[in-house]
């Protein structure tokens, strides 16, 4: 399913699957490590600024669609992902 089709019909994919499909930069073990680094660099607290966190993540990785970015931001805000994979 293409990006436009998901946009029109709704994205029913598991956001964890979408995160696993992205190759994260060398040095980042997974989406959580990458997300923590991006938010730290941009000084965004996902617990207090969820929308800003989603925006920062999507700006840093254009392939990251809204649903997986929101999932990642919410999980980081909850303190998840320390050493876990997406």
C-alpha atoms as a PDB file:
ATOM      1  CA  UNK A   1       0.000   0.000   0.000  1.00  0.00           C
ATOM      2  CA  UNK A   2       1.474   3.327  -1.017  1.00  0.00           C
ATOM      3  CA  UNK A   3       1.702   6.419   1.125  1.00  0.00           C
ATOM      4  CA  UNK A   4      -1.138   8.219  -0.704  1.00  0.00           C
ATOM      5  CA  UNK A   5      -3.406   5.197  -0.481  1.00  0.00           C
ATOM      6  CA  UNK A   6      -2.744   4.918   3.292  1.00  0.00           C
ATOM      7  CA  UNK A   7      -3.509   8.621   3.624  1.00  0.00           C
ATOM      8  CA  UNK A   8      -6.811   8.282   1.773  1.00  0.00           C
ATOM      9  CA  UNK A   9      -7.941   4.975   3.265  1.00  0.00           C
ATOM     10  CA  UNK A  10      -6.360   5.236   6.693  1.00  0.00           C
ATOM     11  CA  UNK A  11      -3.197   3.566   7.843  1.00  0.00           C
ATOM     12  CA  UNK A  12      -4.094   0.265   9.480  1.00  0.00           C
ATOM     13  CA  UNK A  13      -0.506  -0.968   9.731  1.00  0.00           C
ATOM     14  CA  UNK A  14       0.970  -1.658  13.125  1.00  0.00           C
ATOM     15  CA  UNK A  15       3.218   1.366  13.829  1.00  0.00           C
ATOM     16  CA  UNK A  16       5.889  -0.983  15.188  1.00  0.00           C
ATOM     17  CA  UNK A  17       6.101  -2.611  11.753  1.00  0.00           C
ATOM     18  CA  UNK A  18       6.441   0.787  10.079  1.00  0.00           C
ATOM     19  CA  UNK A  19       9.246   1.732  12.496  1.00  0.00           C
ATOM     20  CA  UNK A  20      11.034  -1.559  11.872  1.00  0.00           C
ATOM     21  CA  UNK A  21      11.009  -0.907   8.115  1.00  0.00           C
ATOM     22  CA  UNK A  22      13.186   2.199   8.476  1.00  0.00           C
ATOM     23  CA  UNK A  23      16.953   1.788   8.599  1.00  0.00           C
ATOM     24  CA  UNK A  24      18.128   3.990  11.466  1.00  0.00           C
ATOM     25  CA  UNK A  25      21.455   5.835  11.341  1.00  0.00           C
ATOM     26  CA  UNK A  26      24.570   3.944  12.266  1.00  0.00           C
ATOM     27  CA  UNK A  27      25.104   4.123  15.990  1.00  0.00           C
ATOM     28  CA  UNK A  28      21.401   4.092  16.819  1.00  0.00           C
ATOM     29  CA  UNK A  29      20.325   0.620  17.883  1.00  0.00           C
ATOM     30  CA  UNK A  30      16.678   1.175  17.017  1.00  0.00           C
ATOM     31  CA  UNK A  31      13.890   3.703  16.663  1.00  0.00           C
ATOM     32  CA  UNK A  32      13.847   4.405  20.394  1.00  0.00           C
ATOM     33  CA  UNK A  33      17.559   5.235  20.554  1.00  0.00           C
ATOM     34  CA  UNK A  34      17.256   7.402  17.460  1.00  0.00           C
ATOM     35  CA  UNK A  35      14.145   9.162  18.800  1.00  0.00           C
ATOM     36  CA  UNK A  36      15.718   9.859  22.190  1.00  0.00           C
ATOM     37  CA  UNK A  37      18.769  11.351  20.461  1.00  0.00           C
ATOM     38  CA  UNK A  38      16.690  13.538  18.123  1.00  0.00           C
ATOM     39  CA  UNK A  39      14.510  14.886  20.927  1.00  0.00           C
ATOM     40  CA  UNK A  40      17.533  15.535  23.152  1.00  0.00           C
ATOM     41  CA  UNK A  41      19.325  17.418  20.363  1.00  0.00           C
ATOM     42  CA  UNK A  42      16.237  19.547  19.730  1.00  0.00           C
ATOM     43  CA  UNK A  43      15.498  19.934  23.437  1.00  0.00           C
ATOM     44  CA  UNK A  44      11.948  18.630  23.143  1.00  0.00           C
ATOM     45  CA  UNK A  45      10.348  16.924  26.140  1.00  0.00           C
ATOM     46  CA  UNK A  46       7.924  14.363  24.727  1.00  0.00           C
ATOM     47  CA  UNK A  47       6.112  14.165  28.075  1.00  0.00           C
ATOM     48  CA  UNK A  48       5.113  17.826  27.936  1.00  0.00           C
ATOM     49  CA  UNK A  49       5.230  18.529  24.208  1.00  0.00           C
ATOM     50  CA  UNK A  50       3.846  15.534  22.337  1.00  0.00           C
ATOM     51  CA  UNK A  51       2.929  17.461  19.198  1.00  0.00           C
ATOM     52  CA  UNK A  52       6.347  19.144  19.095  1.00  0.00           C
ATOM     53  CA  UNK A  53       7.977  15.733  19.597  1.00  0.00           C
ATOM     54  CA  UNK A  54       6.056  14.227  16.671  1.00  0.00           C
ATOM     55  CA  UNK A  55       6.975  17.206  14.509  1.00  0.00           C
ATOM     56  CA  UNK A  56      10.667  16.991  15.467  1.00  0.00           C
ATOM     57  CA  UNK A  57      10.794  13.272  14.717  1.00  0.00           C
ATOM     58  CA  UNK A  58       9.126  13.697  11.335  1.00  0.00           C
ATOM     59  CA  UNK A  59      11.381  16.609  10.404  1.00  0.00           C
ATOM     60  CA  UNK A  60      14.447  14.553  11.292  1.00  0.00           C
ATOM     61  CA  UNK A  61      13.259  11.530   9.286  1.00  0.00           C
ATOM     62  CA  UNK A  62      11.022  12.347   6.292  1.00  0.00           C
ATOM     63  CA  UNK A  63      10.120   8.660   5.792  1.00  0.00           C
ATOM     64  CA  UNK A  64       8.464   8.621   9.225  1.00  0.00           C
ATOM     65  CA  UNK A  65       4.719   8.861   8.753  1.00  0.00           C
ATOM     66  CA  UNK A  66       2.301  10.378  11.266  1.00  0.00           C
ATOM     67  CA  UNK A  67       1.031   7.200  12.945  1.00  0.00           C
ATOM     68  CA  UNK A  68       4.455   5.657  13.657  1.00  0.00           C
ATOM     69  CA  UNK A  69       5.860   9.055  14.696  1.00  0.00           C
ATOM     70  CA  UNK A  70       2.997   9.530  17.149  1.00  0.00           C
ATOM     71  CA  UNK A  71       3.477   6.004  18.497  1.00  0.00           C
ATOM     72  CA  UNK A  72       7.204   6.617  18.956  1.00  0.00           C
ATOM     73  CA  UNK A  73       6.696   9.995  20.658  1.00  0.00           C
ATOM     74  CA  UNK A  74       4.089   8.554  23.027  1.00  0.00           C
ATOM     75  CA  UNK A  75       6.295   5.578  23.914  1.00  0.00           C
ATOM     76  CA  UNK A  76       9.274   7.867  24.542  1.00  0.00           C
ATOM     77  CA  UNK A  77       7.083  10.097  26.710  1.00  0.00           C
ATOM     78  CA  UNK A  78       6.120   7.048  28.753  1.00  0.00           C
ATOM     79  CA  UNK A  79       9.785   6.206  29.242  1.00  0.00           C
ATOM     80  CA  UNK A  80       9.647   3.108  27.060  1.00  0.00           C
ATOM     81  CA  UNK A  81      12.362   1.863  24.829  1.00  0.00           C
ATOM     82  CA  UNK A  82      15.364   1.956  27.119  1.00  0.00           C
ATOM     83  CA  UNK A  83      17.268  -0.832  25.442  1.00  0.00           C
ATOM     84  CA  UNK A  84      14.167  -2.213  23.699  1.00  0.00           C
ATOM     85  CA  UNK A  85      13.603  -2.387  19.988  1.00  0.00           C
ATOM     86  CA  UNK A  86      10.591  -1.104  18.064  1.00  0.00           C
END
